[in-house]
Amino acid sequence: MRGKRILDRGGGGLPLFLSYSREDRQMAADVVSDLEQFGHQVWIDEKLSGGQEWWRQILGQIRSSEAFILILSRASIASQACELETTYARELRKKIILARLDGVEVTEAPASLAAIIATIHWIEYRSNDKGSAIRLLKAVSDLPPSELPDPLPAEPPVPGSYLTDLLDKIDSPRELTKGDQLELVFELRKRVAGKRDRKDIERLLVRFAERDDLLARIAAQIDELLGEVRGRPAESQKAVEDSPAVRGPAAAAKQVRTPGLRNNWRAEKVARTQTALVLRVRLANGEYLLEWNANSLLPGGFVKVDGEVVSKSSALTAETHRFEITDGAQTHKAELSVLGMMSCKFTLKVGGRVLFSD
C-alpha cells in the first residue's frame, strides 16, 4: 500500500519541523525568521522538555511536516531529543536538511546519529547572513514531495524519561538508605559517562547534593561527578581542608565556597573535656565555632556559636539544644544532643544531617 502524501504543493509555503538544542535557541529563532519570510510554516518546540503528551505532540508534528530541519551543532548532537527526532524523521522517510553550525563534524556525533547525518548533504548556516538564508531556502525548495510509510514506524520513547525517574527518587520525602544512594550514584555515573544531557545531569547532581541525609562517601562521589560534568577535576577534600579560608580563625573564615551544596559540610572536634566540647563546623558558606559548656552550678549546659549563646538547658541527664545557623543567604535548623552526665555522648545535626557523633 502506498504511503500517504503529506502535501499537494500549489506554490505556497511548506509545513516544516525544526529540531534544535536549547543552547542554540537564538540560532533556531533566526532559522525560523528566514523561512517564514518566504511563507513557510515552521513548527518549533519552545518547551524543549515535558512528559508523554508533550512528546506525542512533537511526533505528530514531525509526521505532519513536509521536511525535517536539524540545526547541527555540538549541542544538538549531544541531545537525546534531537537524536530521537532525527531518527524518527528518517524512519518516516522525511526529507532531512542539516543546517550546520560551528564546523561540527560527523565524527563528533554518537554512532546512531552519525549514520544518518553522514548520508545527508548539509548547508553552512550563520545568523544574519544573506548567503546562509539563500542556501537554506534553496534546500527547502529543492525537496521532493514527502510520503509516509504504511505501516508507520513505532514511536520512540520520551527523551529524558530516565531523568524524570531519577528526579523523583532524588526528591523523595522519605530518607534514602545507603542502597538507595548508591543506586542513584550508579545511574548518574552512567549518564555522565554517556556525555548526553549534561546540563540536566548537572541539575540532578546539584539537587542530590542538597539532600540532608547524604552519606559522606556519596557526597564525595557527587562532587567528583559534578567536576566531570563541569569539565574540571573534582577538588580533593584535602585541598579543601588545607585552603586558607578553612585554616583561618572562625570569625574570618565565612567566605563563599560552594553555595547550595552540602557535600562539603563537616564538623570537627577541636577540644573536649568532661565539662566542655568545641567543634569547628564547616558549611557551604563558611566556618563556625560551636561550643558546649556545662553549667557551673546547675544541671545542663549552654551552647555558643561564634561566642554567642544560642541555647541553654537545665536537664539533668539528657539535653537537646535546638537553634539556627545562618549560612550565607540560608538558615539551617541545628540540634545538639547531649546524653549522660560524667561521660557525655554528643550528636550534632544541621539541616537534619548528622555532622558529628561522639
Protein backbone atom coordinates (compact mmCIF):
# COMPACT_ATOMS: atom_id res chain seq x y z
CA MET A 1 0.00 0.00 0.00
CA ARG A 2 1.35 3.39 -0.95
CA GLY A 3 2.21 5.86 1.76
CA LYS A 4 0.12 8.93 2.49
CA ARG A 5 1.04 12.11 0.60
CA ILE A 6 1.62 14.94 3.07
CA LEU A 7 1.05 17.99 0.91
CA ASP A 8 -0.10 18.75 -2.60
CA ARG A 9 2.12 21.70 -3.38
CA GLY A 10 0.50 24.61 -5.07
CA GLY A 11 3.27 27.13 -4.84
CA GLY A 12 2.60 28.04 -1.19
CA GLY A 13 4.77 27.62 1.86
CA LEU A 14 5.60 24.23 3.30
CA PRO A 15 5.00 22.86 6.79
CA LEU A 16 8.46 22.28 8.25
CA PHE A 17 9.71 20.83 11.53
CA LEU A 18 12.77 22.37 13.19
CA SER A 19 14.81 20.29 15.64
CA TYR A 20 17.39 22.05 17.84
CA SER A 21 19.09 22.07 21.23
CA ARG A 22 18.24 24.62 23.89
CA GLU A 23 21.78 26.02 23.66
CA ASP A 24 21.01 27.01 20.05
CA ARG A 25 17.72 28.75 20.84
CA GLN A 26 18.72 32.08 19.27
CA MET A 27 20.01 30.37 16.13
CA ALA A 28 16.73 28.46 15.87
CA ALA A 29 14.81 31.74 16.03
CA ASP A 30 16.93 33.09 13.16
CA VAL A 31 16.25 30.00 11.03
CA VAL A 32 12.51 30.33 11.67
CA SER A 33 12.63 34.02 10.72
CA ASP A 34 14.45 33.29 7.44
CA LEU A 35 11.97 30.59 6.44
CA GLU A 36 8.79 32.42 7.49
CA GLN A 37 9.76 35.46 5.43
CA PHE A 38 9.14 33.28 2.37
CA GLY A 39 5.84 31.88 3.56
CA HIS A 40 6.94 28.57 5.08
CA GLN A 41 5.23 27.38 8.25
CA VAL A 42 7.86 26.26 10.73
CA TRP A 43 6.87 24.24 13.80
CA ILE A 44 9.32 24.69 16.63
CA ASP A 45 9.15 23.25 20.12
CA GLU A 46 9.61 26.11 22.56
CA LYS A 47 9.18 23.99 25.67
CA LEU A 48 12.08 21.59 24.97
CA SER A 49 11.11 19.21 27.76
CA GLY A 50 7.99 17.61 29.14
CA GLY A 51 6.08 14.39 29.51
CA GLN A 52 4.28 11.90 27.33
CA GLU A 53 1.69 14.33 25.91
CA TRP A 54 4.40 16.85 25.01
CA TRP A 55 6.34 14.13 23.19
CA ARG A 56 3.26 12.87 21.33
CA GLN A 57 2.65 16.38 20.06
CA ILE A 58 6.21 16.60 18.75
CA LEU A 59 5.99 13.25 16.98
CA GLY A 60 2.67 14.29 15.43
CA GLN A 61 4.24 17.48 14.10
CA ILE A 62 7.11 15.50 12.57
CA ARG A 63 4.60 13.26 10.80
CA SER A 64 2.64 16.27 9.54
CA SER A 65 5.68 18.15 8.26
CA GLU A 66 6.86 18.14 4.67
CA ALA A 67 10.51 18.24 5.71
CA PHE A 68 12.66 18.00 8.82
CA ILE A 69 15.41 20.54 9.57
CA LEU A 70 18.06 19.83 12.19
CA ILE A 71 20.32 22.58 13.50
CA LEU A 72 23.52 20.57 13.56
CA SER A 73 25.78 21.73 16.38
CA ARG A 74 27.86 20.26 19.17
CA ALA A 75 24.91 20.85 21.48
CA SER A 76 22.35 19.11 19.23
CA ILE A 77 24.47 16.01 18.60
CA ALA A 78 24.73 15.65 22.38
CA SER A 79 20.93 15.95 22.77
CA GLN A 80 18.96 12.74 23.14
CA ALA A 81 15.78 14.51 22.00
CA CYS A 82 17.41 15.72 18.76
CA GLU A 83 18.71 12.23 18.02
CA LEU A 84 15.32 10.61 18.62
CA GLU A 85 13.54 13.24 16.49
CA THR A 86 16.03 12.84 13.63
CA THR A 87 15.87 9.04 13.74
CA TYR A 88 12.07 9.13 13.71
CA ALA A 89 12.08 11.58 10.77
CA ARG A 90 14.33 9.19 8.83
CA GLU A 91 12.04 6.23 9.60
CA LEU A 92 9.10 8.31 8.34
CA ARG A 93 11.03 8.91 5.10
CA LYS A 94 11.11 12.64 5.73
CA LYS A 95 13.49 14.78 3.73
CA ILE A 96 16.11 16.00 6.18
CA ILE A 97 18.03 19.25 5.93
CA LEU A 98 21.05 19.90 8.13
CA ALA A 99 21.93 23.49 9.00
CA ARG A 100 25.47 23.13 10.32
CA LEU A 101 26.96 25.44 12.94
CA ASP A 102 30.46 25.73 14.40
CA GLY A 103 32.04 23.45 11.79
CA VAL A 104 30.87 20.43 13.78
CA GLU A 105 31.96 17.10 12.24
CA VAL A 106 30.03 13.87 11.81
CA THR A 107 32.68 12.04 13.83
CA GLU A 108 31.66 14.06 16.90
CA ALA A 109 28.14 12.61 16.86
CA PRO A 110 27.09 9.32 18.51
CA ALA A 111 27.24 6.38 16.11
CA SER A 112 23.46 6.07 15.66
CA LEU A 113 23.08 9.74 14.72
CA ALA A 114 26.30 9.84 12.71
CA ALA A 115 24.99 7.01 10.50
CA ILE A 116 22.06 9.24 9.49
CA ILE A 117 23.72 12.62 9.06
CA ALA A 118 26.73 11.16 7.22
CA THR A 119 24.43 10.43 4.25
CA ILE A 120 22.90 13.94 4.12
CA HIS A 121 24.39 16.98 2.48
CA TRP A 122 24.42 19.88 4.92
CA ILE A 123 24.50 23.62 4.46
CA GLU A 124 26.63 26.02 6.47
CA TYR A 125 24.42 28.42 8.40
CA ARG A 126 25.20 31.71 10.15
CA SER A 127 22.85 34.22 11.75
CA ASN A 128 22.11 37.45 9.89
CA ASP A 129 23.86 36.14 6.81
CA LYS A 130 22.07 36.54 3.48
CA GLY A 131 24.04 33.73 1.87
CA SER A 132 23.03 31.32 4.63
CA ALA A 133 19.37 32.24 4.22
CA ILE A 134 19.52 31.72 0.45
CA ARG A 135 21.20 28.32 0.83
CA LEU A 136 18.57 27.24 3.34
CA LEU A 137 15.65 28.39 1.19
CA LYS A 138 17.09 26.68 -1.88
CA ALA A 139 17.48 23.42 0.05
CA VAL A 140 13.82 23.60 1.08
CA SER A 141 12.54 24.49 -2.41
CA ASP A 142 14.50 21.60 -3.99
CA LEU A 143 12.85 18.98 -1.78
CA PRO A 144 10.70 16.33 -3.47
CA PRO A 145 7.22 15.64 -2.04
CA SER A 146 7.07 13.59 1.16
CA GLU A 147 5.18 10.33 1.69
CA LEU A 148 4.59 8.47 4.93
CA PRO A 149 5.29 4.74 5.13
CA ASP A 150 2.48 2.30 5.77
CA PRO A 151 2.51 1.00 8.43
CA LEU A 152 4.02 3.82 10.46
CA PRO A 153 7.17 3.05 12.45
CA ALA A 154 6.98 2.64 16.21
CA GLU A 155 7.15 5.88 18.15
CA PRO A 156 10.41 6.45 20.07
CA PRO A 157 10.27 6.75 23.88
CA VAL A 158 10.07 10.09 25.64
CA PRO A 159 13.61 11.57 25.73
CA GLY A 160 14.99 12.07 29.18
CA SER A 161 12.27 9.96 30.80
CA TYR A 162 15.04 8.39 32.89
CA LEU A 163 15.84 11.92 34.15
CA THR A 164 12.29 12.31 35.42
CA ASP A 165 12.54 8.95 37.18
CA LEU A 166 15.84 9.93 38.79
CA LEU A 167 14.46 13.30 39.88
CA ASP A 168 11.50 11.60 41.56
CA LYS A 169 13.91 9.40 43.52
CA ILE A 170 16.20 12.30 44.43
CA ASP A 171 13.25 14.40 45.65
CA SER A 172 11.72 11.55 47.63
CA PRO A 173 10.41 12.82 51.01
CA ARG A 174 11.50 9.63 52.74
CA GLU A 175 15.04 9.11 53.98
CA LEU A 176 17.25 7.50 51.35
CA THR A 177 19.02 4.36 52.52
CA LYS A 178 22.63 3.61 51.72
CA GLY A 179 21.42 1.28 48.97
CA ASP A 180 19.16 3.99 47.51
CA GLN A 181 22.02 6.47 47.42
CA LEU A 182 24.47 4.02 45.86
CA GLU A 183 21.94 3.13 43.16
CA LEU A 184 21.36 6.80 42.32
CA VAL A 185 25.08 7.48 42.09
CA PHE A 186 25.50 4.42 39.85
CA GLU A 187 22.75 5.65 37.47
CA LEU A 188 24.07 9.21 37.43
CA ARG A 189 27.61 7.99 36.77
CA LYS A 190 26.35 6.03 33.73
CA ARG A 191 24.64 9.17 32.40
CA VAL A 192 27.75 11.30 32.93
CA ALA A 193 29.84 8.73 31.05
CA GLY A 194 27.32 8.84 28.20
CA LYS A 195 28.04 12.57 27.69
CA ARG A 196 24.38 13.31 26.97
CA ASP A 197 22.08 15.95 28.51
CA ARG A 198 24.96 17.32 30.58
CA LYS A 199 23.08 20.38 31.86
CA ASP A 200 20.17 18.26 33.06
CA ILE A 201 22.54 15.78 34.71
CA GLU A 202 24.31 18.67 36.44
CA ARG A 203 20.99 19.95 37.82
CA LEU A 204 20.19 16.46 39.15
CA LEU A 205 23.59 16.19 40.82
CA VAL A 206 23.18 19.59 42.48
CA ARG A 207 19.68 18.61 43.66
CA PHE A 208 21.03 15.31 45.00
CA ALA A 209 23.87 17.09 46.81
CA GLU A 210 21.37 19.27 48.67
CA ARG A 211 19.71 16.35 50.46
CA ASP A 212 20.08 16.30 54.23
CA ASP A 213 20.58 12.55 54.56
CA LEU A 214 23.62 12.08 52.29
CA LEU A 215 26.38 9.78 53.45
CA ALA A 216 29.86 11.32 53.34
CA ARG A 217 31.03 8.74 50.81
CA ILE A 218 28.10 9.53 48.50
CA ALA A 219 28.64 13.29 48.87
CA ALA A 220 32.26 12.88 47.76
CA GLN A 221 31.19 10.88 44.68
CA ILE A 222 28.62 13.54 43.74
CA ASP A 223 31.32 16.18 43.98
CA GLU A 224 33.52 14.07 41.70
CA LEU A 225 30.72 13.69 39.13
CA LEU A 226 29.98 17.41 39.20
CA GLY A 227 33.63 18.01 38.41
CA GLU A 228 33.38 15.72 35.37
CA VAL A 229 30.17 17.33 34.12
CA ARG A 230 31.60 20.82 34.51
CA GLY A 231 34.82 19.85 32.77
CA ARG A 232 37.12 20.17 35.76
CA PRO A 233 38.72 17.62 38.11
CA ALA A 234 36.90 17.25 41.40
CA GLU A 235 38.55 19.18 44.21
CA SER A 236 40.04 16.80 46.72
CA GLN A 237 38.88 17.06 50.29
CA LYS A 238 42.47 17.59 51.45
CA ALA A 239 42.76 20.61 49.17
CA VAL A 240 39.59 22.00 50.66
CA GLU A 241 40.74 21.43 54.20
CA ASP A 242 44.17 22.93 53.54
CA SER A 243 42.76 26.09 51.94
CA PRO A 244 43.37 29.41 53.79
CA ALA A 245 39.64 30.00 54.07
CA VAL A 246 39.30 26.85 56.17
CA ARG A 247 42.52 27.14 58.19
CA GLY A 248 41.83 30.69 59.36
CA PRO A 249 40.01 31.69 62.55
CA ALA A 250 36.25 31.23 62.69
CA ALA A 251 35.48 34.93 62.75
CA ALA A 252 37.34 35.50 59.49
CA ALA A 253 36.50 32.25 57.74
CA LYS A 254 32.99 32.97 56.49
CA GLN A 255 33.95 33.01 52.84
CA VAL A 256 31.91 31.67 49.95
CA ARG A 257 32.80 28.10 48.99
CA THR A 258 30.13 26.10 47.16
CA PRO A 259 26.72 27.78 47.56
CA GLY A 260 23.77 25.42 47.71
CA LEU A 261 25.80 22.23 48.06
CA ARG A 262 26.02 20.25 51.27
CA ASN A 263 28.60 17.71 50.21
CA ASN A 264 31.42 19.59 51.98
CA TRP A 265 29.61 20.07 55.30
CA ARG A 266 31.81 18.90 58.17
CA ALA A 267 32.04 19.14 61.96
CA GLU A 268 35.46 18.50 63.54
CA LYS A 269 36.31 18.19 67.20
CA VAL A 270 38.69 20.91 68.39
CA ALA A 271 38.61 20.13 72.13
CA ARG A 272 36.69 18.01 74.60
CA THR A 273 36.66 17.66 78.37
CA GLN A 274 34.11 16.41 80.88
CA THR A 275 32.54 19.87 81.00
CA ALA A 276 33.09 21.24 77.50
CA LEU A 277 33.05 20.42 73.80
CA VAL A 278 34.36 22.63 70.99
CA LEU A 279 33.54 21.85 67.33
CA ARG A 280 34.59 23.57 64.13
CA VAL A 281 31.54 23.40 61.83
CA ARG A 282 32.11 23.93 58.12
CA LEU A 283 29.10 24.62 55.94
CA ALA A 284 28.71 25.80 52.35
CA ASN A 285 29.48 29.46 53.03
CA GLY A 286 31.90 29.44 55.90
CA GLU A 287 33.21 28.11 59.17
CA TYR A 288 31.66 28.40 62.64
CA LEU A 289 32.96 27.63 66.12
CA LEU A 290 30.37 25.76 68.21
CA GLU A 291 30.89 25.32 71.97
CA TRP A 292 29.02 23.35 74.60
CA ASN A 293 29.81 24.08 78.24
CA ALA A 294 28.34 22.56 81.37
CA ASN A 295 26.72 25.00 83.79
CA SER A 296 28.90 25.61 86.82
CA LEU A 297 26.18 25.22 89.48
CA LEU A 298 23.03 23.93 87.75
CA PRO A 299 22.44 20.75 85.73
CA GLY A 300 22.64 21.01 81.97
CA GLY A 301 24.69 23.31 79.82
CA PHE A 302 24.65 26.01 77.17
CA VAL A 303 25.65 26.29 73.51
CA LYS A 304 27.55 29.12 71.83
CA VAL A 305 28.05 29.74 68.11
CA ASP A 306 30.99 32.03 67.41
CA GLY A 307 30.90 33.18 71.05
CA GLU A 308 27.16 33.96 71.13
CA VAL A 309 24.91 31.91 73.42
CA VAL A 310 22.16 30.34 71.31
CA SER A 311 20.67 27.75 73.68
CA LYS A 312 20.53 26.83 77.38
CA SER A 313 19.32 23.75 79.22
CA SER A 314 18.84 22.67 82.82
CA ALA A 315 18.21 19.00 82.04
CA LEU A 316 19.89 16.52 84.36
CA THR A 317 20.99 13.65 82.09
CA ALA A 318 19.74 14.44 78.57
CA GLU A 319 19.83 17.80 76.83
CA THR A 320 18.57 18.75 73.40
CA HIS A 321 19.68 22.16 72.20
CA ARG A 322 17.80 23.50 69.18
CA PHE A 323 18.98 26.63 67.42
CA GLU A 324 19.62 28.03 63.96
CA ILE A 325 22.79 28.65 61.98
CA THR A 326 22.72 31.28 59.26
CA ASP A 327 24.92 30.23 56.37
CA GLY A 328 25.08 32.89 53.67
CA ALA A 329 21.52 33.50 52.46
CA GLN A 330 20.25 30.26 54.05
CA THR A 331 19.25 29.47 57.61
CA HIS A 332 19.56 25.87 58.78
CA LYS A 333 17.98 24.29 61.85
CA ALA A 334 20.58 22.75 64.13
CA GLU A 335 20.33 20.36 67.06
CA LEU A 336 22.94 19.31 69.61
CA SER A 337 22.00 16.34 71.76
CA VAL A 338 23.92 15.68 74.99
CA LEU A 339 23.33 12.37 76.75
CA GLY A 340 24.78 11.46 80.14
CA MET A 341 26.49 13.33 82.97
CA MET A 342 30.15 12.49 83.51
CA SER A 343 30.86 10.80 80.15
CA CYS A 344 28.56 12.56 77.72
CA LYS A 345 27.62 11.41 74.24
CA PHE A 346 27.23 14.26 71.74
CA THR A 347 25.31 14.29 68.44
CA LEU A 348 25.17 17.37 66.21
CA LYS A 349 22.68 17.68 63.36
CA VAL A 350 22.47 20.58 60.93
CA GLY A 351 19.68 20.69 58.38
CA GLY A 352 18.63 17.21 59.51
CA ARG A 353 22.05 15.77 58.68
CA VAL A 354 24.33 14.26 61.34
CA LEU A 355 27.67 16.07 61.19
CA PHE A 356 29.18 14.84 64.45
CA SER A 357 28.61 11.96 66.85
CA ASP A 358 30.98 11.06 69.67
